[in-house]
């Protein structure tokens, strides 16, 4: 019984729309958080690493220079022009990039050796008259001296300078191993701060616009996504009312498309099952009606007319017994099919010789063949060990041989063959009868199915379905080949080793 749940429960379309809108909102919130809280630190970290690389590259030139970089007396400073030439060459070769920074090189006396200013305003040295020139150490400002002293004392320098106008610059310093020289590099931070402020102002407006657009797109997408599900639901309701000819149109190749194909296949199987159920009622009622009518008629005859005539009475009672046996056979066949198809009767696997089993089954047909002028030709000379349920395989052989005996041709012969295979063997039962039409072959193993040529023949119509269920339970391949006017061949393959 379906249990009703109270409360509001949105459909898949509403859930998808809400989920996509929430996902976009989370993404926009993450972008806003990153812009507001992470942009400046990440950018500062990047600038710090870049300035550190510049300082190390400059110190590498100092350490690798062969000769004195500068000479100094009390009144004057002389810088080796070869060193300045080497620095300019490194800049030209791309080994050193100081195009957006201010560089300050000093010696152990904390006085400047040379410096280069590539910023409009260098907070370390103050405003510069020219940009890009390497000049002698005449810019020993109080701030520059303080930064140099801090670098020498602490061995490293990373700080940010801000002037009264709000301009910010990052400063990074490094020393040579012998502390004979040190270098300080700085660059502007003002642009990223302004960009961060602009983004913080613009992001809420962008977020609102994107959220509105995303809600519309999410609604349209969810409507497109759930359309085949709605079609499946409508088709299921129609099928529940008995309309099985309502296939779902398949336009997609994803999981929903697979579901639609499976639904159409299920609808076809349900339709076929419903038809088989109707055929079952018609066939069983027909098969039951005849013996029941005969039993009732002869029983009334014995009661009313021939009760005192032993000969006629016994003949009529024999007919009643025969018809009762037919009813019992029909009921037993239905029960056997139900057991096999439901899985309640599982195969008890043993290893035996299929050729020997076929010979044993064929011997049971010798008497009936002699009585009716038939000939059963057995071709099972080579041993064929297989793993299967021997009793079930015997039932399969009886069903196939019994079916073949009802469709014998003019030669009155039918054949039983066992052909050895590397994986086991192939068993064939062949007759030279009228054959089966091509349109009937796909249904030959269906329950109660009878082709037009079988109409009126003896049998319950359950032998081949039972055979099919047993072979499927073993995992054996099977089939039927037939040509009108030439005969029919049923076959199956048995395996040496059971499938795991």
Protein backbone atom coordinates (compact mmCIF):
# COMPACT_ATOMS: atom_id res chain seq x y z
CA UNK A 1 0.00 0.00 0.00
CA UNK A 2 1.37 3.39 -1.00
CA UNK A 3 2.14 5.58 1.98
CA UNK A 4 1.32 9.26 1.53
CA UNK A 5 3.85 11.76 2.86
CA UNK A 6 2.51 15.05 4.11
CA UNK A 7 4.00 18.39 3.16
CA UNK A 8 5.10 20.15 0.01
CA UNK A 9 7.25 18.09 -2.35
CA UNK A 10 8.54 19.92 -5.45
CA UNK A 11 8.90 18.05 -8.71
CA UNK A 12 12.13 17.20 -10.47
CA UNK A 13 11.89 20.32 -12.64
CA UNK A 14 11.62 22.58 -9.59
CA UNK A 15 14.41 20.67 -7.82
CA UNK A 16 16.73 20.99 -10.82
CA UNK A 17 15.98 24.71 -11.17
CA UNK A 18 16.61 25.31 -7.48
CA UNK A 19 19.77 23.17 -7.48
CA UNK A 20 21.28 24.97 -10.49
CA UNK A 21 20.40 28.38 -9.05
CA UNK A 22 21.95 27.46 -5.70
CA UNK A 23 25.05 26.13 -7.44
CA UNK A 24 25.53 29.39 -9.32
CA UNK A 25 24.90 31.38 -6.14
CA UNK A 26 27.57 29.35 -4.36
CA UNK A 27 30.01 29.89 -7.24
CA UNK A 28 29.36 33.63 -7.26
CA UNK A 29 29.73 33.73 -3.48
CA UNK A 30 33.03 31.89 -3.76
CA UNK A 31 34.23 34.36 -6.41
CA UNK A 32 33.17 37.31 -4.27
CA UNK A 33 34.88 35.86 -1.20
CA UNK A 34 38.05 35.17 -3.17
CA UNK A 35 38.03 38.68 -4.63
CA UNK A 36 37.37 40.33 -1.29
CA UNK A 37 39.66 38.26 0.89
CA UNK A 38 42.15 36.39 -1.27
CA UNK A 39 42.93 38.64 -4.25
CA UNK A 40 45.17 41.02 -2.33
CA UNK A 41 47.10 38.34 -0.33
CA UNK A 42 47.60 36.12 -3.38
CA UNK A 43 48.73 39.07 -5.47
CA UNK A 44 51.09 40.25 -2.70
CA UNK A 45 52.51 36.75 -2.46
CA UNK A 46 53.12 36.73 -6.19
CA UNK A 47 54.78 40.15 -6.09
CA UNK A 48 56.93 39.06 -3.14
CA UNK A 49 58.14 35.98 -5.02
CA UNK A 50 58.84 38.05 -8.12
CA UNK A 51 60.83 40.64 -6.17
CA UNK A 52 62.72 37.90 -4.34
CA UNK A 53 63.72 36.38 -7.69
CA UNK A 54 64.91 39.80 -8.89
CA UNK A 55 66.96 40.36 -5.73
CA UNK A 56 68.59 36.93 -6.00
CA UNK A 57 69.35 37.44 -9.70
CA UNK A 58 70.97 40.79 -8.93
CA UNK A 59 73.03 39.32 -6.08
CA UNK A 60 74.09 36.50 -8.41
CA UNK A 61 75.58 39.12 -10.73
CA UNK A 62 77.37 40.68 -7.75
CA UNK A 63 78.80 37.37 -6.56
CA UNK A 64 79.87 36.22 -10.02
CA UNK A 65 81.55 39.49 -11.00
CA UNK A 66 85.29 39.07 -11.36
CA UNK A 67 86.78 42.15 -9.78
CA UNK A 68 85.93 44.97 -7.44
CA UNK A 69 82.46 46.35 -7.89
CA UNK A 70 83.30 49.68 -6.34
CA UNK A 71 85.99 51.58 -4.50
CA UNK A 72 85.26 54.20 -1.90
CA UNK A 73 87.22 56.77 0.04
CA UNK A 74 86.02 59.34 2.48
CA UNK A 75 85.01 61.83 -0.18
CA UNK A 76 84.12 59.85 -3.30
CA UNK A 77 82.69 56.57 -4.67
CA UNK A 78 83.82 54.85 -7.85
CA UNK A 79 81.71 52.08 -9.44
CA UNK A 80 83.32 49.65 -11.86
CA UNK A 81 81.81 50.41 -15.26
CA UNK A 82 82.33 46.79 -16.32
CA UNK A 83 79.91 45.76 -13.56
CA UNK A 84 77.30 48.26 -14.75
CA UNK A 85 77.83 47.03 -18.33
CA UNK A 86 77.30 43.42 -17.15
CA UNK A 87 74.10 44.43 -15.34
CA UNK A 88 72.74 46.20 -18.44
CA UNK A 89 73.62 43.17 -20.56
CA UNK A 90 71.72 40.87 -18.17
CA UNK A 91 68.70 43.17 -18.48
CA UNK A 92 68.99 43.13 -22.28
CA UNK A 93 69.23 39.32 -22.31
CA UNK A 94 66.17 38.93 -20.09
CA UNK A 95 68.11 37.43 -17.19
CA UNK A 96 67.17 40.40 -15.03
CA UNK A 97 63.87 42.29 -15.22
CA UNK A 98 63.72 45.57 -13.35
CA UNK A 99 61.34 47.38 -15.74
CA UNK A 100 58.62 47.82 -13.08
CA UNK A 101 60.74 48.11 -9.94
CA UNK A 102 63.24 50.22 -8.03
CA UNK A 103 66.61 48.60 -7.22
CA UNK A 104 68.98 49.76 -4.45
CA UNK A 105 72.47 48.17 -4.17
CA UNK A 106 74.50 49.02 -1.06
CA UNK A 107 77.67 47.82 0.59
CA UNK A 108 78.61 46.85 4.13
CA UNK A 109 78.80 50.53 5.13
CA UNK A 110 75.04 50.79 4.39
CA UNK A 111 75.75 53.43 1.76
CA UNK A 112 74.39 53.13 -1.75
CA UNK A 113 76.63 51.78 -4.49
CA UNK A 114 74.20 52.22 -7.34
CA UNK A 115 70.48 52.23 -7.87
CA UNK A 116 67.89 52.26 -10.64
CA UNK A 117 64.44 53.79 -10.43
CA UNK A 118 61.78 52.55 -12.87
CA UNK A 119 58.82 53.87 -10.89
CA UNK A 120 57.31 57.32 -11.14
CA UNK A 121 57.62 57.57 -7.38
CA UNK A 122 60.14 55.54 -5.43
CA UNK A 123 59.20 55.63 -1.78
CA UNK A 124 62.69 54.44 -0.77
CA UNK A 125 64.62 57.22 -2.54
CA UNK A 126 61.95 59.87 -3.00
CA UNK A 127 61.01 61.39 -6.37
CA UNK A 128 63.60 60.75 -9.06
CA UNK A 129 64.62 63.09 -11.82
CA UNK A 130 65.07 60.39 -14.45
CA UNK A 131 63.84 56.84 -14.85
CA UNK A 132 65.82 53.78 -15.85
CA UNK A 133 69.41 55.09 -15.32
CA UNK A 134 71.91 53.37 -13.08
CA UNK A 135 73.37 56.07 -10.87
CA UNK A 136 75.90 56.37 -8.12
CA UNK A 137 74.96 56.06 -4.49
CA UNK A 138 73.82 59.57 -3.69
CA UNK A 139 70.31 58.67 -2.51
CA UNK A 140 71.02 57.68 1.08
CA UNK A 141 67.64 58.77 2.45
CA UNK A 142 66.66 58.14 6.04
CA UNK A 143 64.16 55.48 4.94
CA UNK A 144 66.72 53.79 2.71
CA UNK A 145 69.25 53.67 5.55
CA UNK A 146 66.65 52.26 7.93
CA UNK A 147 65.66 49.53 5.49
CA UNK A 148 69.30 48.62 4.84
CA UNK A 149 69.97 48.45 8.57
CA UNK A 150 66.94 46.19 9.08
CA UNK A 151 68.07 43.89 6.27
CA UNK A 152 71.58 43.56 7.68
CA UNK A 153 70.33 42.90 11.22
CA UNK A 154 67.55 40.42 10.32
CA UNK A 155 69.15 38.83 7.25
CA UNK A 156 65.93 39.26 5.24
CA UNK A 157 63.50 42.03 4.45
CA UNK A 158 59.84 41.90 3.36
CA UNK A 159 57.65 44.93 4.09
CA UNK A 160 55.09 47.26 2.55
CA UNK A 161 55.49 51.06 2.38
CA UNK A 162 52.58 53.49 2.13
CA UNK A 163 52.86 57.24 1.63
CA UNK A 164 50.47 59.97 2.68
CA UNK A 165 48.60 59.77 -0.63
CA UNK A 166 47.79 56.09 -0.10
CA UNK A 167 50.30 54.74 -2.63
CA UNK A 168 51.69 51.34 -1.59
CA UNK A 169 54.91 49.59 -2.55
CA UNK A 170 56.27 46.21 -1.55
CA UNK A 171 59.92 46.05 -0.54
CA UNK A 172 62.06 42.87 -0.56
CA UNK A 173 65.75 42.69 0.36
CA UNK A 174 68.55 40.09 0.26
CA UNK A 175 72.26 39.89 1.25
CA UNK A 176 75.27 38.16 -0.19
CA UNK A 177 76.56 35.29 1.98
CA UNK A 178 79.45 37.42 3.29
CA UNK A 179 77.11 40.40 3.84
CA UNK A 180 79.48 42.56 1.78
CA UNK A 181 76.59 43.71 -0.39
CA UNK A 182 72.86 43.90 -0.12
CA UNK A 183 70.08 44.70 -2.56
CA UNK A 184 66.61 46.10 -1.98
CA UNK A 185 63.90 45.86 -4.67
CA UNK A 186 60.48 47.54 -4.56
CA UNK A 187 57.41 47.84 -6.82
CA UNK A 188 53.92 49.38 -6.76
CA UNK A 189 50.84 47.68 -5.24
CA UNK A 190 48.35 50.45 -5.89
CA UNK A 191 46.78 49.00 -9.06
CA UNK A 192 45.68 45.70 -7.57
CA UNK A 193 44.11 47.44 -4.60
CA UNK A 194 42.09 49.62 -6.94
CA UNK A 195 41.12 46.61 -9.04
CA UNK A 196 40.00 44.79 -5.90
CA UNK A 197 37.79 47.71 -4.87
CA UNK A 198 36.25 47.92 -8.36
CA UNK A 199 35.53 44.18 -8.37
CA UNK A 200 33.95 44.32 -4.93
CA UNK A 201 31.63 47.06 -6.18
CA UNK A 202 30.78 45.34 -9.46
CA UNK A 203 30.42 41.74 -8.30
CA UNK A 204 27.03 42.14 -6.51
CA UNK A 205 25.50 43.66 -9.67
CA UNK A 206 27.05 40.97 -11.85
CA UNK A 207 25.87 38.29 -9.41
CA UNK A 208 22.26 39.52 -9.52
CA UNK A 209 22.26 39.59 -13.31
CA UNK A 210 23.84 36.15 -13.62
CA UNK A 211 21.50 34.72 -10.98
CA UNK A 212 18.44 35.95 -12.89
CA UNK A 213 19.76 34.59 -16.19
CA UNK A 214 20.75 31.30 -14.58
CA UNK A 215 17.31 30.82 -13.04
CA UNK A 216 15.70 31.30 -16.45
CA UNK A 217 18.18 28.94 -18.14
CA UNK A 218 17.84 26.42 -15.31
CA UNK A 219 14.05 26.46 -15.68
CA UNK A 220 14.30 25.92 -19.45
CA UNK A 221 16.94 23.19 -19.04
CA UNK A 222 14.96 21.38 -16.36
CA UNK A 223 11.84 21.52 -18.54
CA UNK A 224 13.80 19.97 -21.43
CA UNK A 225 15.42 17.43 -19.10
CA UNK A 226 12.17 16.26 -17.49
CA UNK A 227 10.06 16.16 -20.68
CA UNK A 228 10.93 12.49 -21.48
CA UNK A 229 10.29 11.57 -17.83
CA UNK A 230 6.83 13.12 -18.07
CA UNK A 231 6.24 11.18 -21.30
CA UNK A 232 7.33 7.98 -19.56
CA UNK A 233 4.96 8.71 -16.67
CA UNK A 234 2.05 9.34 -19.04
CA UNK A 235 2.83 6.18 -21.02
CA UNK A 236 3.01 4.17 -17.78
CA UNK A 237 -0.43 5.42 -16.75
CA UNK A 238 -1.83 4.52 -20.17
CA UNK A 239 -0.23 1.08 -20.01
CA UNK A 240 -1.74 0.56 -16.54
CA UNK A 241 -5.14 1.15 -18.17
CA UNK A 242 -4.41 -1.52 -20.79
CA UNK A 243 -3.16 0.64 -23.68
CA UNK A 244 0.05 -1.20 -24.55
CA UNK A 245 0.49 0.34 -28.02
CA UNK A 246 1.82 3.66 -26.69
CA UNK A 247 5.60 3.62 -27.32
CA UNK A 248 7.68 6.48 -25.94
CA UNK A 249 9.47 8.52 -28.59
CA UNK A 250 13.26 8.22 -28.22
CA UNK A 251 15.24 11.36 -29.06
CA UNK A 252 18.17 11.03 -26.68
CA UNK A 253 21.13 8.67 -26.38
CA UNK A 254 21.84 9.18 -22.66
CA UNK A 255 20.54 7.25 -19.63
CA UNK A 256 17.03 8.64 -20.16
CA UNK A 257 17.14 7.40 -23.75
CA UNK A 258 18.17 3.97 -22.47
CA UNK A 259 15.31 4.10 -19.96
CA UNK A 260 12.88 4.95 -22.77
CA UNK A 261 14.10 2.02 -24.85
CA UNK A 262 13.80 -0.29 -21.85
CA UNK A 263 10.29 1.02 -21.21
CA UNK A 264 9.26 0.36 -24.82
CA UNK A 265 10.75 -3.13 -24.56
CA UNK A 266 8.90 -3.70 -21.30
CA UNK A 267 5.66 -2.48 -22.89
CA UNK A 268 6.17 -4.91 -25.78
CA UNK A 269 6.83 -7.78 -23.36
CA UNK A 270 3.79 -6.84 -21.26
CA UNK A 271 1.68 -6.74 -24.41
CA UNK A 272 3.02 -10.12 -25.45
CA UNK A 273 2.43 -11.53 -21.97
CA UNK A 274 -1.12 -10.23 -21.99
CA UNK A 275 -1.66 -11.86 -25.38
CA UNK A 276 -0.13 -15.10 -24.10
CA UNK A 277 -2.42 -14.92 -21.08
CA UNK A 278 -5.43 -14.57 -23.35
CA UNK A 279 -4.14 -17.40 -25.50
CA UNK A 280 -3.54 -19.44 -22.36
CA UNK A 281 -7.13 -19.01 -21.24
CA UNK A 282 -8.38 -19.86 -24.71
CA UNK A 283 -6.07 -22.87 -25.16
CA UNK A 284 -6.48 -24.27 -21.65
CA UNK A 285 -10.22 -23.78 -21.74
CA UNK A 286 -10.27 -25.55 -25.12
CA UNK A 287 -7.99 -28.35 -23.90
CA UNK A 288 -10.02 -28.75 -20.74
CA UNK A 289 -13.41 -28.47 -22.37
CA UNK A 290 -13.01 -31.48 -24.64
CA UNK A 291 -11.93 -34.07 -21.99
CA UNK A 292 -14.39 -32.65 -19.45
CA UNK A 293 -17.23 -32.90 -21.97
CA UNK A 294 -16.26 -36.45 -22.82
CA UNK A 295 -15.92 -37.44 -19.18
CA UNK A 296 -19.27 -35.95 -18.32
CA UNK A 297 -20.99 -37.44 -21.39
CA UNK A 298 -19.65 -40.95 -20.91
CA UNK A 299 -20.26 -40.82 -17.16
CA UNK A 300 -23.93 -39.90 -17.79
CA UNK A 301 -24.14 -42.65 -20.41
CA UNK A 302 -22.76 -45.24 -17.99
CA UNK A 303 -25.16 -44.01 -15.32
CA UNK A 304 -28.27 -43.89 -17.49
CA UNK A 305 -27.83 -46.41 -20.33
CA UNK A 306 -24.93 -48.86 -20.19
CA UNK A 307 -24.62 -49.52 -16.49
CA UNK A 308 -25.92 -53.05 -16.99
CA UNK A 309 -23.86 -53.80 -20.13
CA UNK A 310 -20.36 -54.70 -18.87
CA UNK A 311 -18.67 -54.57 -22.30
CA UNK A 312 -19.96 -51.14 -23.33
CA UNK A 313 -19.62 -49.85 -19.78
CA UNK A 314 -15.95 -50.86 -19.57
CA UNK A 315 -15.21 -49.30 -22.99
CA UNK A 316 -16.79 -46.04 -21.92
CA UNK A 317 -15.02 -46.13 -18.56
CA UNK A 318 -11.71 -46.58 -20.44
CA UNK A 319 -12.45 -43.40 -22.37
CA UNK A 320 -13.16 -41.62 -19.07
CA UNK A 321 -9.82 -42.84 -17.70
CA UNK A 322 -7.97 -41.72 -20.85
CA UNK A 323 -9.48 -38.27 -20.75
CA UNK A 324 -8.71 -38.05 -17.03
CA UNK A 325 -5.09 -38.90 -17.87
CA UNK A 326 -5.07 -36.09 -20.44
CA UNK A 327 -6.27 -33.67 -17.78
CA UNK A 328 -3.62 -34.90 -15.37
CA UNK A 329 -0.94 -34.56 -18.04
CA UNK A 330 -2.01 -30.99 -18.77
CA UNK A 331 -2.05 -30.05 -15.07
CA UNK A 332 1.32 -31.71 -14.46
CA UNK A 333 2.84 -29.92 -17.45
CA UNK A 334 1.60 -26.57 -16.15
CA UNK A 335 3.02 -27.32 -12.70
CA UNK A 336 6.37 -28.46 -14.16
CA UNK A 337 6.66 -25.29 -16.25
CA UNK A 338 5.81 -23.15 -13.23
CA UNK A 339 8.49 -24.85 -11.12
CA UNK A 340 11.21 -24.50 -13.74
CA UNK A 341 10.45 -20.90 -14.74
CA UNK A 342 9.98 -19.67 -11.16
CA UNK A 343 13.35 -21.07 -10.08
CA UNK A 344 11.93 -23.25 -7.30
CA UNK A 345 13.34 -26.33 -9.05
CA UNK A 346 17.05 -25.68 -9.52
CA UNK A 347 19.40 -27.93 -11.54
CA UNK A 348 21.34 -30.51 -9.52
CA UNK A 349 24.60 -30.53 -11.44
CA UNK A 350 26.50 -33.80 -11.95
CA UNK A 351 28.95 -34.99 -14.59
CA UNK A 352 27.71 -37.72 -16.97
CA UNK A 353 28.05 -38.93 -20.55
CA UNK A 354 25.50 -37.21 -22.79
CA UNK A 355 25.98 -39.82 -25.55
CA UNK A 356 25.14 -42.63 -23.13
CA UNK A 357 22.07 -40.74 -21.86
CA UNK A 358 20.83 -40.25 -25.43
CA UNK A 359 21.20 -43.96 -26.15
CA UNK A 360 19.26 -44.84 -22.99
CA UNK A 361 16.42 -42.45 -23.87
CA UNK A 362 16.34 -43.75 -27.46
CA UNK A 363 15.85 -47.33 -26.20
CA UNK A 364 12.57 -46.31 -24.55
CA UNK A 365 11.23 -45.39 -28.01
CA UNK A 366 11.98 -48.75 -29.62
CA UNK A 367 8.63 -50.31 -28.73
CA UNK A 368 6.52 -47.36 -29.87
CA UNK A 369 8.58 -47.09 -33.06
CA UNK A 370 8.02 -50.76 -33.91
CA UNK A 371 4.35 -50.42 -33.12
CA UNK A 372 3.86 -47.39 -35.41
CA UNK A 373 6.38 -48.20 -38.13
CA UNK A 374 8.76 -45.37 -37.17
CA UNK A 375 12.54 -45.41 -37.23
CA UNK A 376 14.66 -43.51 -34.68
CA UNK A 377 18.23 -43.14 -35.94
CA UNK A 378 20.73 -42.54 -33.11
CA UNK A 379 24.20 -41.15 -33.86
CA UNK A 380 25.98 -41.01 -30.49
CA UNK A 381 29.12 -43.10 -30.80
CA UNK A 382 31.73 -40.84 -29.11
CA UNK A 383 31.68 -40.22 -25.32
CA UNK A 384 30.69 -36.63 -24.47
CA UNK A 385 31.08 -35.79 -20.77
CA UNK A 386 28.99 -32.81 -19.66
CA UNK A 387 28.00 -31.14 -16.38
CA UNK A 388 24.23 -30.74 -15.96
CA UNK A 389 21.14 -32.06 -14.19
CA UNK A 390 20.77 -35.54 -15.72
CA UNK A 391 17.06 -35.86 -14.93
CA UNK A 392 16.32 -32.49 -16.53
CA UNK A 393 18.38 -33.33 -19.61
CA UNK A 394 16.41 -36.58 -19.92
CA UNK A 395 13.19 -34.57 -19.81
CA UNK A 396 14.55 -32.26 -22.55
CA UNK A 397 15.37 -35.23 -24.78
CA UNK A 398 11.91 -36.76 -24.25
CA UNK A 399 10.24 -33.44 -25.07
CA UNK A 400 12.24 -32.98 -28.28
CA UNK A 401 11.84 -36.61 -29.41
CA UNK A 402 8.13 -36.57 -28.57
CA UNK A 403 7.71 -33.37 -30.57
CA UNK A 404 9.61 -34.87 -33.52
CA UNK A 405 7.49 -38.06 -33.44
CA UNK A 406 4.38 -35.94 -34.05
CA UNK A 407 5.86 -34.36 -37.19
CA UNK A 408 7.34 -37.27 -39.12
CA UNK A 409 7.63 -37.13 -42.89
CA UNK A 410 6.94 -39.75 -45.49
CA UNK A 411 10.13 -41.64 -44.60
CA UNK A 412 8.78 -42.06 -41.03
CA UNK A 413 12.27 -41.34 -39.67
CA UNK A 414 13.58 -39.01 -36.99
CA UNK A 415 17.15 -38.57 -35.79
CA UNK A 416 19.03 -38.06 -32.51
CA UNK A 417 22.65 -36.92 -32.82
CA UNK A 418 25.38 -36.09 -30.32
CA UNK A 419 28.27 -34.11 -31.88
CA UNK A 420 31.42 -33.67 -29.73
CA UNK A 421 32.69 -30.09 -29.31
CA UNK A 422 35.81 -28.72 -27.55
CA UNK A 423 33.62 -27.14 -24.87
CA UNK A 424 31.16 -30.06 -24.60
CA UNK A 425 28.75 -31.37 -27.21
CA UNK A 426 25.88 -30.41 -29.51
CA UNK A 427 22.67 -32.44 -29.38
CA UNK A 428 20.35 -32.43 -32.41
CA UNK A 429 16.85 -33.83 -32.91
CA UNK A 430 15.70 -33.79 -36.55
CA UNK A 431 12.59 -34.83 -38.42
CA UNK A 432 11.65 -34.79 -42.12
CA UNK A 433 8.15 -33.51 -41.54
CA UNK A 434 6.30 -30.50 -43.00
CA UNK A 435 8.55 -27.95 -41.27
CA UNK A 436 7.72 -24.68 -39.55
CA UNK A 437 6.95 -21.41 -41.32
CA UNK A 438 9.46 -18.58 -40.87
CA UNK A 439 6.89 -16.38 -39.09
CA UNK A 440 6.26 -19.15 -36.54
CA UNK A 441 9.92 -19.88 -35.67
CA UNK A 442 10.41 -16.95 -33.21
CA UNK A 443 7.42 -18.21 -31.19
CA UNK A 444 8.08 -21.94 -31.33
CA UNK A 445 9.21 -22.05 -27.67
CA UNK A 446 6.34 -19.86 -26.36
CA UNK A 447 3.77 -21.28 -23.99
CA UNK A 448 0.71 -22.86 -25.63
CA UNK A 449 1.86 -21.60 -29.00
CA UNK A 450 0.84 -23.78 -31.91
CA UNK A 451 1.55 -23.10 -35.54
CA UNK A 452 -1.25 -23.61 -38.03
CA UNK A 453 0.20 -26.96 -39.08
CA UNK A 454 -0.05 -28.20 -35.47
CA UNK A 455 -3.72 -27.41 -35.05
CA UNK A 456 -5.60 -30.45 -33.78
CA UNK A 457 -2.52 -32.49 -32.90
CA UNK A 458 -2.03 -34.24 -29.58
CA UNK A 459 -0.12 -32.38 -26.89
CA UNK A 460 -0.37 -29.76 -24.19
CA UNK A 461 1.73 -27.11 -25.95
CA UNK A 462 4.08 -26.97 -22.95
CA UNK A 463 6.84 -29.40 -23.91
CA UNK A 464 8.99 -26.88 -25.79
CA UNK A 465 8.51 -24.08 -23.20
CA UNK A 466 9.64 -26.50 -20.48
CA UNK A 467 12.65 -27.42 -22.64
CA UNK A 468 13.48 -23.73 -23.09
CA UNK A 469 13.24 -23.02 -19.34
CA UNK A 470 15.51 -25.99 -18.47
CA UNK A 471 18.17 -25.03 -21.02
CA UNK A 472 18.09 -21.39 -19.92
CA UNK A 473 18.47 -22.51 -16.31
CA UNK A 474 21.65 -24.36 -17.29
CA UNK A 475 22.97 -21.48 -19.39
CA UNK A 476 23.02 -23.67 -22.53
CA UNK A 477 22.57 -22.26 -26.04
CA UNK A 478 19.67 -23.69 -28.06
CA UNK A 479 17.71 -23.03 -31.21
CA UNK A 480 15.66 -24.40 -34.09
CA UNK A 481 16.17 -24.51 -37.86
CA UNK A 482 13.36 -25.42 -40.22
CA UNK A 483 12.50 -25.46 -43.91
CA UNK A 484 8.93 -25.91 -45.13
CA UNK A 485 8.49 -29.28 -46.80
CA UNK A 486 11.87 -30.62 -45.64
CA UNK A 487 11.71 -30.84 -41.87
CA UNK A 488 12.85 -29.27 -38.59
CA UNK A 489 16.02 -29.53 -36.51
CA UNK A 490 16.09 -28.66 -32.79
CA UNK A 491 19.54 -28.32 -31.17
CA UNK A 492 21.26 -27.35 -27.94
CA UNK A 493 24.85 -27.33 -26.66
CA UNK A 494 25.81 -28.86 -23.32
CA UNK A 495 29.04 -27.82 -21.56
CA UNK A 496 31.74 -29.84 -19.85
CA UNK A 497 32.07 -27.25 -17.10
CA UNK A 498 29.15 -25.44 -15.51
CA UNK A 499 29.02 -21.66 -15.98
CA UNK A 500 29.91 -19.73 -12.82
